[in-house]
PDB file of N, CA and C in Angstrom:
ATOM      1  N   MET A   1      13.765  -8.246  39.035  1.00  0.00           N
ATOM      2  CA  MET A   1      13.101  -7.147  38.342  1.00  0.00           C
ATOM      3  C   MET A   1      14.042  -5.956  38.272  1.00  0.00           C
ATOM      4  N   SER A   2      14.210  -5.405  37.104  1.00  0.00           N
ATOM      5  CA  SER A   2      15.138  -4.285  36.958  1.00  0.00           C
ATOM      6  C   SER A   2      14.388  -2.961  36.831  1.00  0.00           C
ATOM      7  N   ILE A   3      15.127  -1.911  37.020  1.00  0.00           N
ATOM      8  CA  ILE A   3      14.548  -0.570  36.957  1.00  0.00           C
ATOM      9  C   ILE A   3      14.531  -0.098  35.505  1.00  0.00           C
ATOM     10  N   ILE A   4      13.444   0.522  35.111  1.00  0.00           N
ATOM     11  CA  ILE A   4      13.318   1.073  33.764  1.00  0.00           C
ATOM     12  C   ILE A   4      13.957   2.452  33.760  1.00  0.00           C
ATOM     13  N   THR A   5      14.936   2.645  32.884  1.00  0.00           N
ATOM     14  CA  THR A   5      15.610   3.940  32.797  1.00  0.00           C
ATOM     15  C   THR A   5      15.568   4.471  31.367  1.00  0.00           C
ATOM     16  N   ASN A   6      15.775   5.751  31.246  1.00  0.00           N
ATOM     17  CA  ASN A   6      15.851   6.452  29.958  1.00  0.00           C
ATOM     18  C   ASN A   6      14.539   6.538  29.181  1.00  0.00           C
ATOM     19  N   ILE A   7      13.422   6.239  29.826  1.00  0.00           N
ATOM     20  CA  ILE A   7      12.129   6.459  29.161  1.00  0.00           C
ATOM     21  C   ILE A   7      11.883   7.970  29.206  1.00  0.00           C
ATOM     22  N   ASN A   8      11.636   8.547  28.059  1.00  0.00           N
ATOM     23  CA  ASN A   8      11.501   9.998  27.949  1.00  0.00           C
ATOM     24  C   ASN A   8      10.025  10.374  27.831  1.00  0.00           C
ATOM     25  N   LYS A   9       9.538  11.155  28.785  1.00  0.00           N
ATOM     26  CA  LYS A   9       8.129  11.560  28.798  1.00  0.00           C
ATOM     27  C   LYS A   9       7.747  12.395  27.565  1.00  0.00           C
ATOM     28  N   ALA A  10       8.718  13.033  26.944  1.00  0.00           N
ATOM     29  CA  ALA A  10       8.421  13.821  25.740  1.00  0.00           C
ATOM     30  C   ALA A  10       7.916  12.935  24.608  1.00  0.00           C
ATOM     31  N   PHE A  11       8.237  11.642  24.669  1.00  0.00           N
ATOM     32  CA  PHE A  11       7.834  10.707  23.621  1.00  0.00           C
ATOM     33  C   PHE A  11       6.727   9.761  24.087  1.00  0.00           C
ATOM     34  N   ASP A  12       5.964  10.178  25.101  1.00  0.00           N
ATOM     35  CA  ASP A  12       4.968   9.274  25.676  1.00  0.00           C
ATOM     36  C   ASP A  12       3.666   9.187  24.881  1.00  0.00           C
ATOM     37  N   HIS A  13       3.611   9.794  23.744  1.00  0.00           N
ATOM     38  CA  HIS A  13       2.412   9.740  22.910  1.00  0.00           C
ATOM     39  C   HIS A  13       2.770   9.198  21.528  1.00  0.00           C
ATOM     40  N   ARG A  14       1.893   8.403  20.956  1.00  0.00           N
ATOM     41  CA  ARG A  14       2.195   7.778  19.656  1.00  0.00           C
ATOM     42  C   ARG A  14       2.460   8.809  18.564  1.00  0.00           C
ATOM     43  N   ILE A  15       1.797   9.965  18.645  1.00  0.00           N
ATOM     44  CA  ILE A  15       2.001  10.983  17.609  1.00  0.00           C
ATOM     45  C   ILE A  15       3.411  11.568  17.706  1.00  0.00           C
ATOM     46  N   ARG A  16       3.882  11.815  18.906  1.00  0.00           N
ATOM     47  CA  ARG A  16       5.254  12.328  19.068  1.00  0.00           C
ATOM     48  C   ARG A  16       6.272  11.289  18.647  1.00  0.00           C
ATOM     49  N   LEU A  17       6.020  10.039  18.983  1.00  0.00           N
ATOM     50  CA  LEU A  17       6.906   8.963  18.514  1.00  0.00           C
ATOM     51  C   LEU A  17       6.919   8.931  16.988  1.00  0.00           C
ATOM     52  N   GLY A  18       5.746   9.090  16.404  1.00  0.00           N
ATOM     53  CA  GLY A  18       5.638   9.089  14.944  1.00  0.00           C
ATOM     54  C   GLY A  18       6.365  10.255  14.311  1.00  0.00           C
ATOM     55  N   ILE A  19       6.198  11.447  14.866  1.00  0.00           N
ATOM     56  CA  ILE A  19       6.881  12.641  14.340  1.00  0.00           C
ATOM     57  C   ILE A  19       8.386  12.408  14.352  1.00  0.00           C
ATOM     58  N   MET A  20       8.901  11.967  15.498  1.00  0.00           N
ATOM     59  CA  MET A  20      10.337  11.749  15.610  1.00  0.00           C
ATOM     60  C   MET A  20      10.807  10.640  14.684  1.00  0.00           C
ATOM     61  N   SER A  21      10.039   9.576  14.558  1.00  0.00           N
ATOM     62  CA  SER A  21      10.413   8.471  13.669  1.00  0.00           C
ATOM     63  C   SER A  21      10.540   8.948  12.226  1.00  0.00           C
ATOM     64  N   VAL A  22       9.581   9.736  11.781  1.00  0.00           N
ATOM     65  CA  VAL A  22       9.624  10.268  10.412  1.00  0.00           C
ATOM     66  C   VAL A  22      10.842  11.176  10.236  1.00  0.00           C
ATOM     67  N   LEU A  23      11.078  12.032  11.219  1.00  0.00           N
ATOM     68  CA  LEU A  23      12.169  13.006  11.086  1.00  0.00           C
ATOM     69  C   LEU A  23      13.555  12.379  11.249  1.00  0.00           C
ATOM     70  N   ILE A  24      13.643  11.286  11.954  1.00  0.00           N
ATOM     71  CA  ILE A  24      14.937  10.599  12.110  1.00  0.00           C
ATOM     72  C   ILE A  24      15.386  10.014  10.773  1.00  0.00           C
ATOM     73  N   VAL A  25      14.451   9.478   9.994  1.00  0.00           N
ATOM     74  CA  VAL A  25      14.824   8.836   8.727  1.00  0.00           C
ATOM     75  C   VAL A  25      14.768   9.778   7.525  1.00  0.00           C
ATOM     76  N   ASN A  26      14.259  10.987   7.721  1.00  0.00           N
ATOM     77  CA  ASN A  26      14.222  11.993   6.666  1.00  0.00           C
ATOM     78  C   ASN A  26      14.918  13.254   7.175  1.00  0.00           C
ATOM     79  N   GLU A  27      15.541  13.978   6.282  1.00  0.00           N
ATOM     80  CA  GLU A  27      16.218  15.213   6.691  1.00  0.00           C
ATOM     81  C   GLU A  27      15.217  16.204   7.284  1.00  0.00           C
ATOM     82  N   TYR A  28      14.039  16.243   6.683  1.00  0.00           N
ATOM     83  CA  TYR A  28      12.960  17.107   7.171  1.00  0.00           C
ATOM     84  C   TYR A  28      11.635  16.607   6.611  1.00  0.00           C
ATOM     85  N   ALA A  29      10.545  17.120   7.176  1.00  0.00           N
ATOM     86  CA  ALA A  29       9.207  16.826   6.658  1.00  0.00           C
ATOM     87  C   ALA A  29       8.345  18.057   6.897  1.00  0.00           C
ATOM     88  N   ASP A  30       7.442  18.342   5.964  1.00  0.00           N
ATOM     89  CA  ASP A  30       6.570  19.498   6.166  1.00  0.00           C
ATOM     90  C   ASP A  30       5.293  19.067   6.893  1.00  0.00           C
ATOM     91  N   PHE A  31       4.530  20.061   7.298  1.00  0.00           N
ATOM     92  CA  PHE A  31       3.334  19.841   8.102  1.00  0.00           C
ATOM     93  C   PHE A  31       2.375  18.857   7.438  1.00  0.00           C
ATOM     94  N   ASN A  32       2.086  19.090   6.160  1.00  0.00           N
ATOM     95  CA  ASN A  32       1.110  18.238   5.465  1.00  0.00           C
ATOM     96  C   ASN A  32       1.595  16.797   5.317  1.00  0.00           C
ATOM     97  N   THR A  33       2.887  16.623   5.102  1.00  0.00           N
ATOM     98  CA  THR A  33       3.446  15.278   5.001  1.00  0.00           C
ATOM     99  C   THR A  33       3.270  14.540   6.324  1.00  0.00           C
ATOM    100  N   LEU A  34       3.633  15.199   7.429  1.00  0.00           N
ATOM    101  CA  LEU A  34       3.465  14.580   8.744  1.00  0.00           C
ATOM    102  C   LEU A  34       1.999  14.274   9.016  1.00  0.00           C
ATOM    103  N   LYS A  35       1.137  15.214   8.660  1.00  0.00           N
ATOM    104  CA  LYS A  35      -0.305  15.040   8.888  1.00  0.00           C
ATOM    105  C   LYS A  35      -0.828  13.802   8.158  1.00  0.00           C
ATOM    106  N   GLU A  36      -0.417  13.633   6.901  1.00  0.00           N
ATOM    107  CA  GLU A  36      -0.860  12.482   6.109  1.00  0.00           C
ATOM    108  C   GLU A  36      -0.274  11.173   6.638  1.00  0.00           C
ATOM    109  N   LEU A  37       1.025  11.175   6.911  1.00  0.00           N
ATOM    110  CA  LEU A  37       1.689   9.953   7.368  1.00  0.00           C
ATOM    111  C   LEU A  37       1.147   9.469   8.706  1.00  0.00           C
ATOM    112  N   LEU A  38       0.847  10.414   9.591  1.00  0.00           N
ATOM    113  CA  LEU A  38       0.416  10.052  10.941  1.00  0.00           C
ATOM    114  C   LEU A  38      -1.102   9.996  11.091  1.00  0.00           C
ATOM    115  N   ASP A  39      -1.818  10.440  10.051  1.00  0.00           N
ATOM    116  CA  ASP A  39      -3.279  10.421  10.032  1.00  0.00           C
ATOM    117  C   ASP A  39      -3.861  11.142  11.255  1.00  0.00           C
ATOM    118  N   VAL A  40      -3.483  12.422  11.393  1.00  0.00           N
ATOM    119  CA  VAL A  40      -3.935  13.245  12.519  1.00  0.00           C
ATOM    120  C   VAL A  40      -4.539  14.555  12.008  1.00  0.00           C
ATOM    121  N   THR A  41      -5.253  15.232  12.898  1.00  0.00           N
ATOM    122  CA  THR A  41      -5.840  16.526  12.543  1.00  0.00           C
ATOM    123  C   THR A  41      -4.773  17.624  12.630  1.00  0.00           C
ATOM    124  N   ASP A  42      -5.068  18.767  12.039  1.00  0.00           N
ATOM    125  CA  ASP A  42      -4.157  19.915  12.101  1.00  0.00           C
ATOM    126  C   ASP A  42      -3.842  20.283  13.550  1.00  0.00           C
ATOM    127  N   GLY A  43      -4.893  20.410  14.353  1.00  0.00           N
ATOM    128  CA  GLY A  43      -4.720  20.834  15.743  1.00  0.00           C
ATOM    129  C   GLY A  43      -3.919  19.843  16.563  1.00  0.00           C
ATOM    130  N   ASN A  44      -4.183  18.569  16.339  1.00  0.00           N
ATOM    131  CA  ASN A  44      -3.462  17.528  17.057  1.00  0.00           C
ATOM    132  C   ASN A  44      -1.976  17.558  16.711  1.00  0.00           C
ATOM    133  N   LEU A  45      -1.669  17.628  15.421  1.00  0.00           N
ATOM    134  CA  LEU A  45      -0.278  17.678  14.987  1.00  0.00           C
ATOM    135  C   LEU A  45       0.401  18.936  15.507  1.00  0.00           C
ATOM    136  N   ALA A  46      -0.291  20.061  15.436  1.00  0.00           N
ATOM    137  CA  ALA A  46       0.293  21.335  15.898  1.00  0.00           C
ATOM    138  C   ALA A  46       0.654  21.273  17.379  1.00  0.00           C
ATOM    139  N   SER A  47      -0.222  20.701  18.196  1.00  0.00           N
ATOM    140  CA  SER A  47       0.067  20.651  19.632  1.00  0.00           C
ATOM    141  C   SER A  47       1.252  19.737  19.934  1.00  0.00           C
ATOM    142  N   HIS A  48       1.382  18.641  19.219  1.00  0.00           N
ATOM    143  CA  HIS A  48       2.490  17.721  19.461  1.00  0.00           C
ATOM    144  C   HIS A  48       3.813  18.272  18.919  1.00  0.00           C
ATOM    145  N   THR A  49       3.783  18.947  17.778  1.00  0.00           N
ATOM    146  CA  THR A  49       5.032  19.543  17.281  1.00  0.00           C
ATOM    147  C   THR A  49       5.474  20.676  18.206  1.00  0.00           C
ATOM    148  N   LYS A  50       4.524  21.429  18.731  1.00  0.00           N
ATOM    149  CA  LYS A  50       4.868  22.499  19.687  1.00  0.00           C
ATOM    150  C   LYS A  50       5.528  21.917  20.939  1.00  0.00           C
ATOM    151  N   ALA A  51       5.010  20.801  21.424  1.00  0.00           N
ATOM    152  CA  ALA A  51       5.583  20.158  22.612  1.00  0.00           C
ATOM    153  C   ALA A  51       7.024  19.719  22.347  1.00  0.00           C
ATOM    154  N   LEU A  52       7.281  19.164  21.169  1.00  0.00           N
ATOM    155  CA  LEU A  52       8.641  18.725  20.828  1.00  0.00           C
ATOM    156  C   LEU A  52       9.568  19.918  20.580  1.00  0.00           C
ATOM    157  N   GLU A  53       9.013  20.977  20.022  1.00  0.00           N
ATOM    158  CA  GLU A  53       9.806  22.190  19.790  1.00  0.00           C
ATOM    159  C   GLU A  53      10.178  22.826  21.138  1.00  0.00           C
ATOM    160  N   LYS A  54       9.257  22.818  22.069  1.00  0.00           N
ATOM    161  CA  LYS A  54       9.465  23.437  23.384  1.00  0.00           C
ATOM    162  C   LYS A  54      10.651  22.821  24.132  1.00  0.00           C
ATOM    163  N   VAL A  55      10.853  21.513  23.966  1.00  0.00           N
ATOM    164  CA  VAL A  55      11.982  20.845  24.626  1.00  0.00           C
ATOM    165  C   VAL A  55      13.211  20.755  23.711  1.00  0.00           C
ATOM    166  N   ASN A  56      13.159  21.496  22.605  1.00  0.00           N
ATOM    167  CA  ASN A  56      14.279  21.609  21.662  1.00  0.00           C
ATOM    168  C   ASN A  56      14.650  20.278  20.994  1.00  0.00           C
ATOM    169  N   TYR A  57      13.644  19.452  20.698  1.00  0.00           N
ATOM    170  CA  TYR A  57      13.908  18.195  20.011  1.00  0.00           C
ATOM    171  C   TYR A  57      13.689  18.312  18.510  1.00  0.00           C
ATOM    172  N   ILE A  58      12.898  19.305  18.106  1.00  0.00           N
ATOM    173  CA  ILE A  58      12.724  19.549  16.668  1.00  0.00           C
ATOM    174  C   ILE A  58      12.912  21.035  16.377  1.00  0.00           C
ATOM    175  N   HIS A  59      13.333  21.295  15.148  1.00  0.00           N
ATOM    176  CA  HIS A  59      13.512  22.665  14.664  1.00  0.00           C
ATOM    177  C   HIS A  59      12.360  22.955  13.695  1.00  0.00           C
ATOM    178  N   VAL A  60      11.777  24.132  13.820  1.00  0.00           N
ATOM    179  CA  VAL A  60      10.654  24.521  12.969  1.00  0.00           C
ATOM    180  C   VAL A  60      11.096  25.646  12.052  1.00  0.00           C
ATOM    181  N   GLU A  61      10.826  25.488  10.778  1.00  0.00           N
ATOM    182  CA  GLU A  61      11.192  26.495   9.780  1.00  0.00           C
ATOM    183  C   GLU A  61       9.934  26.872   9.004  1.00  0.00           C
ATOM    184  N   LYS A  62       9.570  28.139   9.092  1.00  0.00           N
ATOM    185  CA  LYS A  62       8.388  28.623   8.368  1.00  0.00           C
ATOM    186  C   LYS A  62       8.850  29.433   7.165  1.00  0.00           C
ATOM    187  N   GLN A  63       8.214  29.182   6.032  1.00  0.00           N
ATOM    188  CA  GLN A  63       8.563  29.883   4.802  1.00  0.00           C
ATOM    189  C   GLN A  63       7.339  29.943   3.897  1.00  0.00           C
ATOM    190  N   PHE A  64       7.483  30.631   2.805  1.00  0.00           N
ATOM    191  CA  PHE A  64       6.420  30.656   1.802  1.00  0.00           C
ATOM    192  C   PHE A  64       6.925  29.983   0.541  1.00  0.00           C
ATOM    193  N   ILE A  65       6.082  29.149  -0.035  1.00  0.00           N
ATOM    194  CA  ILE A  65       6.367  28.558  -1.335  1.00  0.00           C
ATOM    195  C   ILE A  65       5.311  29.141  -2.256  1.00  0.00           C
ATOM    196  N   GLY A  66       5.758  30.037  -3.119  1.00  0.00           N
ATOM    197  CA  GLY A  66       4.808  30.841  -3.884  1.00  0.00           C
ATOM    198  C   GLY A  66       4.086  31.737  -2.890  1.00  0.00           C
ATOM    199  N   ARG A  67       2.781  31.642  -2.843  1.00  0.00           N
ATOM    200  CA  ARG A  67       1.997  32.427  -1.882  1.00  0.00           C
ATOM    201  C   ARG A  67       1.500  31.590  -0.708  1.00  0.00           C
ATOM    202  N   LYS A  68       1.882  30.323  -0.713  1.00  0.00           N
ATOM    203  CA  LYS A  68       1.389  29.428   0.341  1.00  0.00           C
ATOM    204  C   LYS A  68       2.399  29.300   1.474  1.00  0.00           C
ATOM    205  N   PRO A  69       1.919  29.408   2.711  1.00  0.00           N
ATOM    206  CA  PRO A  69       2.826  29.184   3.843  1.00  0.00           C
ATOM    207  C   PRO A  69       3.210  27.708   3.920  1.00  0.00           C
ATOM    208  N   ASN A  70       4.437  27.452   4.324  1.00  0.00           N
ATOM    209  CA  ASN A  70       4.920  26.082   4.454  1.00  0.00           C
ATOM    210  C   ASN A  70       5.730  25.992   5.741  1.00  0.00           C
ATOM    211  N   THR A  71       5.397  25.029   6.559  1.00  0.00           N
ATOM    212  CA  THR A  71       6.129  24.802   7.802  1.00  0.00           C
ATOM    213  C   THR A  71       6.805  23.456   7.682  1.00  0.00           C
ATOM    214  N   ARG A  72       8.117  23.457   7.901  1.00  0.00           N
ATOM    215  CA  ARG A  72       8.809  22.176   7.848  1.00  0.00           C
ATOM    216  C   ARG A  72       9.605  21.965   9.129  1.00  0.00           C
ATOM    217  N   TYR A  73       9.790  20.705   9.438  1.00  0.00           N
ATOM    218  CA  TYR A  73      10.381  20.297  10.701  1.00  0.00           C
ATOM    219  C   TYR A  73      11.596  19.422  10.451  1.00  0.00           C
ATOM    220  N   SER A  74      12.557  19.534  11.341  1.00  0.00           N
ATOM    221  CA  SER A  74      13.720  18.649  11.331  1.00  0.00           C
ATOM    222  C   SER A  74      14.112  18.387  12.782  1.00  0.00           C
ATOM    223  N   THR A  75      14.891  17.333  12.999  1.00  0.00           N
ATOM    224  CA  THR A  75      15.318  17.036  14.366  1.00  0.00           C
ATOM    225  C   THR A  75      16.527  17.883  14.728  1.00  0.00           C
ATOM    226  N   THR A  76      16.670  18.147  16.005  1.00  0.00           N
ATOM    227  CA  THR A  76      17.870  18.801  16.510  1.00  0.00           C
ATOM    228  C   THR A  76      18.829  17.697  16.964  1.00  0.00           C
ATOM    229  N   LYS A  77      20.060  18.071  17.221  1.00  0.00           N
ATOM    230  CA  LYS A  77      21.035  17.100  17.735  1.00  0.00           C
ATOM    231  C   LYS A  77      20.538  16.525  19.065  1.00  0.00           C
ATOM    232  N   ALA A  78      20.017  17.393  19.929  1.00  0.00           N
ATOM    233  CA  ALA A  78      19.478  16.948  21.228  1.00  0.00           C
ATOM    234  C   ALA A  78      18.300  16.001  21.025  1.00  0.00           C
ATOM    235  N   GLY A  79      17.458  16.300  20.049  1.00  0.00           N
ATOM    236  CA  GLY A  79      16.297  15.456  19.766  1.00  0.00           C
ATOM    237  C   GLY A  79      16.701  14.079  19.276  1.00  0.00           C
ATOM    238  N   ARG A  80      17.681  14.022  18.370  1.00  0.00           N
ATOM    239  CA  ARG A  80      18.153  12.727  17.869  1.00  0.00           C
ATOM    240  C   ARG A  80      18.738  11.894  19.006  1.00  0.00           C
ATOM    241  N   SER A  81      19.527  12.523  19.857  1.00  0.00           N
ATOM    242  CA  SER A  81      20.153  11.826  20.979  1.00  0.00           C
ATOM    243  C   SER A  81      19.099  11.303  21.962  1.00  0.00           C
ATOM    244  N   ALA A  82      18.144  12.151  22.326  1.00  0.00           N
ATOM    245  CA  ALA A  82      17.093  11.762  23.274  1.00  0.00           C
ATOM    246  C   ALA A  82      16.232  10.640  22.701  1.00  0.00           C
ATOM    247  N   PHE A  83      15.920  10.723  21.415  1.00  0.00           N
ATOM    248  CA  PHE A  83      15.080   9.699  20.782  1.00  0.00           C
ATOM    249  C   PHE A  83      15.812   8.361  20.736  1.00  0.00           C
ATOM    250  N   LYS A  84      17.099   8.401  20.403  1.00  0.00           N
ATOM    251  CA  LYS A  84      17.908   7.182  20.355  1.00  0.00           C
ATOM    252  C   LYS A  84      17.920   6.512  21.732  1.00  0.00           C
ATOM    253  N   LYS A  85      18.114   7.284  22.790  1.00  0.00           N
ATOM    254  CA  LYS A  85      18.119   6.736  24.154  1.00  0.00           C
ATOM    255  C   LYS A  85      16.753   6.149  24.507  1.00  0.00           C
ATOM    256  N   HIS A  86      15.697   6.832  24.089  1.00  0.00           N
ATOM    257  CA  HIS A  86      14.339   6.358  24.367  1.00  0.00           C
ATOM    258  C   HIS A  86      14.081   5.014  23.675  1.00  0.00           C
ATOM    259  N   ILE A  87      14.458   4.910  22.411  1.00  0.00           N
ATOM    260  CA  ILE A  87      14.259   3.666  21.659  1.00  0.00           C
ATOM    261  C   ILE A  87      15.087   2.536  22.275  1.00  0.00           C
ATOM    262  N   GLU A  88      16.318   2.840  22.677  1.00  0.00           N
ATOM    263  CA  GLU A  88      17.150   1.822  23.331  1.00  0.00           C
ATOM    264  C   GLU A  88      16.505   1.352  24.634  1.00  0.00           C
ATOM    265  N   ALA A  89      15.917   2.276  25.378  1.00  0.00           N
ATOM    266  CA  ALA A  89      15.236   1.918  26.632  1.00  0.00           C
ATOM    267  C   ALA A  89      14.043   1.000  26.356  1.00  0.00           C
ATOM    268  N   LEU A  90      13.279   1.312  25.317  1.00  0.00           N
ATOM    269  CA  LEU A  90      12.139   0.460  24.947  1.00  0.00           C
ATOM    270  C   LEU A  90      12.618  -0.930  24.532  1.00  0.00           C
ATOM    271  N   GLU A  91      13.719  -0.982  23.768  1.00  0.00           N
ATOM    272  CA  GLU A  91      14.270  -2.270  23.347  1.00  0.00           C
ATOM    273  C   GLU A  91      14.716  -3.090  24.557  1.00  0.00           C
ATOM    274  N   ASN A  92      15.298  -2.420  25.542  1.00  0.00           N
ATOM    275  CA  ASN A  92      15.732  -3.114  26.759  1.00  0.00           C
ATOM    276  C   ASN A  92      14.543  -3.694  27.526  1.00  0.00           C
ATOM    277  N   ILE A  93      13.464  -2.950  27.566  1.00  0.00           N
ATOM    278  CA  ILE A  93      12.249  -3.440  28.233  1.00  0.00           C
ATOM    279  C   ILE A  93      11.759  -4.705  27.534  1.00  0.00           C
ATOM    280  N   ILE A  94      11.746  -4.663  26.218  1.00  0.00           N
ATOM    281  CA  ILE A  94      11.288  -5.831  25.436  1.00  0.00           C
ATOM    282  C   ILE A  94      12.212  -7.027  25.683  1.00  0.00           C
ATOM    283  N   LYS A  95      13.511  -6.794  25.690  1.00  0.00           N
ATOM    284  CA  LYS A  95      14.474  -7.878  25.941  1.00  0.00           C
ATOM    285  C   LYS A  95      14.252  -8.486  27.324  1.00  0.00           C
ATOM    286  N   GLN A  96      13.985  -7.632  28.322  1.00  0.00           N
ATOM    287  CA  GLN A  96      13.752  -8.117  29.683  1.00  0.00           C
ATOM    288  C   GLN A  96      12.485  -8.955  29.759  1.00  0.00           C
ATOM    289  N   GLN A  97      11.471  -8.554  29.003  1.00  0.00           N
ATOM    290  CA  GLN A  97      10.210  -9.303  28.998  1.00  0.00           C
ATOM    291  C   GLN A  97      10.377 -10.679  28.365  1.00  0.00           C
ATOM    292  N   ASN A  98      11.297 -10.753  27.416  1.00  0.00           N
ATOM    293  CA  ASN A  98      11.490 -12.003  26.672  1.00  0.00           C
ATOM    294  C   ASN A  98      12.531 -12.908  27.296  1.00  0.00           C
ATOM    295  N   SER A  99      13.158 -12.492  28.390  1.00  0.00           N
ATOM    296  CA  SER A  99      14.183 -13.352  28.988  1.00  0.00           C
ATOM    297  C   SER A  99      13.734 -13.946  30.302  1.00  0.00           C
TER     298      SER A  99
END
C-alpha cells in the first residue's frame, strides 16, 4: 500500500474541480458561463470562486459591459501548477487501484 501524495484540499469539491477544469482549457470564463456549465446557484459559485481566489489559484477581473457588471475568472500560474499536480495524484491513485 502506498502513500497518497499531492492531493490538494483546495480541490476537494466537485464545483472547484469544475471551475479549474473549465479555466484550464479556456483562457477565461465569466460568472454566468461557469454557473451554466457547472449547474450551480449564484451563491454556491461565489463561495467556491472566493475559496480559489483566496489561495491565489484564480484571478478575478470585474468590469462593466455596457451598464452590466461582468466578473470573469482565469487561472494563475500557481493555480495551473497546483491543479496539474492534483490531477496527476488522482491519476496515480487510479493506476494503483488497477494494478
